[in-house]
């Protein structure tokens, strides 16, 4: 799941603990929306 993946990435690359991460919102976006943001 996406939240678990986020915790893994920040923990391994940035040494951030789970309790230090505050997720405000999770929402699914389409591929078109993803391409617009880059």
Protein backbone atom coordinates (compact mmCIF):
# COMPACT_ATOMS: atom_id res chain seq x y z
CA UNK A 1 0.00 0.00 0.00
CA UNK A 2 1.15 3.54 -0.73
CA UNK A 3 1.44 4.71 2.88
CA UNK A 4 3.63 1.75 3.82
CA UNK A 5 5.86 2.45 0.80
CA UNK A 6 6.20 6.08 1.89
CA UNK A 7 7.27 5.00 5.38
CA UNK A 8 9.85 2.61 3.89
CA UNK A 9 11.35 5.23 1.55
CA UNK A 10 11.62 7.96 4.18
CA UNK A 11 12.94 5.52 6.76
CA UNK A 12 15.64 4.03 4.57
CA UNK A 13 16.81 7.06 2.60
CA UNK A 14 16.22 9.85 5.11
CA UNK A 15 16.35 8.02 8.47
CA UNK A 16 12.97 9.43 9.49
CA UNK A 17 10.96 7.45 12.04
CA UNK A 18 7.30 6.61 11.42
CA UNK A 19 6.11 8.73 14.33
CA UNK A 20 7.85 11.75 12.79
CA UNK A 21 5.85 11.52 9.55
CA UNK A 22 2.49 13.28 9.53
CA UNK A 23 0.29 12.33 6.57
CA UNK A 24 -2.49 14.86 6.10
CA UNK A 25 -4.25 13.43 3.07
CA UNK A 26 -4.13 10.42 0.76
CA UNK A 27 -5.98 10.44 -2.53
CA UNK A 28 -5.81 8.55 -5.78
CA UNK A 29 -4.97 10.46 -8.94
CA UNK A 30 -5.21 9.46 -12.59
CA UNK A 31 -2.24 9.03 -14.92
CA UNK A 32 -3.23 12.24 -16.72
CA UNK A 33 -3.06 14.22 -13.48
CA UNK A 34 0.37 12.76 -12.73
CA UNK A 35 1.69 13.82 -16.13
CA UNK A 36 0.34 17.36 -15.65
CA UNK A 37 2.34 17.80 -12.43
CA UNK A 38 5.72 16.95 -13.96
